Amino acid sequence: MQLRTTLSLILSLLILGLAACYESPDVTVHQPGVYKGDKDPLLEKQRTSDQQQRLRERFNLVQTDR
C-alpha cells in the first residue's frame, strides 16, 4: 500500500511538472518596421520640427557623456 501511494504521488508530480513546461505553438510573426495596429498618434507628432528638436535635445543630454 505504501509503495502504491508513493508511486501515484511521484506519477502525479511528474504529470504536473510536465504540464507546467508546456509551451503553446501559436507564434505571431511580425514584420520588422511595419506598424499594423490602429493609427498611431505619435507618428504624426514625430514629423513636426518642434518634436524633432525636442528629441535631438533629449538625445544630446544623454549621449554627451559618452
C-alpha atoms as a PDB file:
ATOM      1  CA  MET A   1       0.000   0.000   0.000  1.00  0.00           C
ATOM      2  CA  GLN A   2       2.844   2.382   0.865  1.00  0.00           C
ATOM      3  CA  LEU A   3       4.536   1.651  -2.479  1.00  0.00           C
ATOM      4  CA  ARG A   4       1.338   2.290  -4.420  1.00  0.00           C
ATOM      5  CA  THR A   5       0.791   5.656  -2.676  1.00  0.00           C
ATOM      6  CA  THR A   6       4.394   6.686  -3.291  1.00  0.00           C
ATOM      7  CA  LEU A   7       4.235   5.712  -6.958  1.00  0.00           C
ATOM      8  CA  SER A   8       0.968   7.572  -7.509  1.00  0.00           C
ATOM      9  CA  LEU A   9       2.418  10.671  -5.810  1.00  0.00           C
ATOM     10  CA  ILE A  10       5.547  10.515  -7.990  1.00  0.00           C
ATOM     11  CA  LEU A  11       3.424   9.999 -11.115  1.00  0.00           C
ATOM     12  CA  SER A  12       1.159  12.914 -10.173  1.00  0.00           C
ATOM     13  CA  LEU A  13       4.149  15.204  -9.611  1.00  0.00           C
ATOM     14  CA  LEU A  14       5.690  14.092 -12.897  1.00  0.00           C
ATOM     15  CA  ILE A  15       2.493  14.813 -14.838  1.00  0.00           C
ATOM     16  CA  LEU A  16       2.103  18.181 -13.117  1.00  0.00           C
ATOM     17  CA  GLY A  17       5.746  19.037 -13.835  1.00  0.00           C
ATOM     18  CA  LEU A  18       5.427  18.174 -17.499  1.00  0.00           C
ATOM     19  CA  ALA A  19       2.181  20.103 -17.851  1.00  0.00           C
ATOM     20  CA  ALA A  20       3.830  23.187 -16.365  1.00  0.00           C
ATOM     21  CA  CYS A  21       6.520  23.102 -19.058  1.00  0.00           C
ATOM     22  CA  TYR A  22       4.028  23.206 -21.923  1.00  0.00           C
ATOM     23  CA  GLU A  23       4.595  25.981 -24.441  1.00  0.00           C
ATOM     24  CA  SER A  24       1.906  26.967 -26.874  1.00  0.00           C
ATOM     25  CA  PRO A  25       2.896  26.506 -30.538  1.00  0.00           C
ATOM     26  CA  ASP A  26       0.942  29.644 -31.536  1.00  0.00           C
ATOM     27  CA  VAL A  27       3.545  32.163 -32.648  1.00  0.00           C
ATOM     28  CA  THR A  28       2.745  35.544 -34.125  1.00  0.00           C
ATOM     29  CA  VAL A  29       5.377  36.654 -36.621  1.00  0.00           C
ATOM     30  CA  HIS A  30       5.587  40.405 -37.175  1.00  0.00           C
ATOM     31  CA  GLN A  31       7.398  42.171 -39.976  1.00  0.00           C
ATOM     32  CA  PRO A  32      10.097  44.490 -38.612  1.00  0.00           C
ATOM     33  CA  GLY A  33       9.440  48.176 -39.152  1.00  0.00           C
ATOM     34  CA  VAL A  34       5.798  47.688 -40.132  1.00  0.00           C
ATOM     35  CA  TYR A  35       3.169  49.002 -37.727  1.00  0.00           C
ATOM     36  CA  LYS A  36      -0.046  47.054 -38.177  1.00  0.00           C
ATOM     37  CA  GLY A  37      -2.084  48.474 -35.306  1.00  0.00           C
ATOM     38  CA  ASP A  38      -4.565  51.313 -35.203  1.00  0.00           C
ATOM     39  CA  LYS A  39      -3.460  54.793 -36.201  1.00  0.00           C
ATOM     40  CA  ASP A  40      -0.539  55.882 -34.030  1.00  0.00           C
ATOM     41  CA  PRO A  41      -0.951  59.476 -32.760  1.00  0.00           C
ATOM     42  CA  LEU A  42       2.762  59.787 -32.002  1.00  0.00           C
ATOM     43  CA  LEU A  43       3.672  59.154 -35.619  1.00  0.00           C
ATOM     44  CA  GLU A  44       2.137  62.436 -36.764  1.00  0.00           C
ATOM     45  CA  LYS A  45       3.628  64.292 -33.805  1.00  0.00           C
ATOM     46  CA  GLN A  46       7.087  62.912 -34.601  1.00  0.00           C
ATOM     47  CA  ARG A  47       7.042  64.530 -38.036  1.00  0.00           C
ATOM     48  CA  THR A  48       6.846  68.095 -36.659  1.00  0.00           C
ATOM     49  CA  SER A  49      10.085  70.057 -36.459  1.00  0.00           C
ATOM     50  CA  ASP A  50       9.293  71.086 -32.877  1.00  0.00           C
ATOM     51  CA  GLN A  51       9.157  67.446 -31.782  1.00  0.00           C
ATOM     52  CA  GLN A  52      12.338  66.638 -33.727  1.00  0.00           C
ATOM     53  CA  GLN A  53      14.143  69.449 -31.932  1.00  0.00           C
ATOM     54  CA  ARG A  54      12.985  68.180 -28.519  1.00  0.00           C
ATOM     55  CA  LEU A  55      14.129  64.663 -29.392  1.00  0.00           C
ATOM     56  CA  ARG A  56      17.551  65.952 -30.507  1.00  0.00           C
ATOM     57  CA  GLU A  57      17.909  67.863 -27.234  1.00  0.00           C
ATOM     58  CA  ARG A  58      16.994  64.784 -25.183  1.00  0.00           C
ATOM     59  CA  PHE A  59      19.430  62.667 -27.187  1.00  0.00           C
ATOM     60  CA  ASN A  60      22.254  65.158 -26.699  1.00  0.00           C
ATOM     61  CA  LEU A  61      21.541  65.377 -22.972  1.00  0.00           C
ATOM     62  CA  VAL A  62      22.144  61.662 -22.579  1.00  0.00           C
ATOM     63  CA  GLN A  63      24.785  60.996 -25.211  1.00  0.00           C
ATOM     64  CA  THR A  64      27.253  63.798 -24.462  1.00  0.00           C
ATOM     65  CA  ASP A  65      28.851  61.874 -21.595  1.00  0.00           C
ATOM     66  CA  ARG A  66      29.969  59.059 -23.870  1.00  0.00           C
END
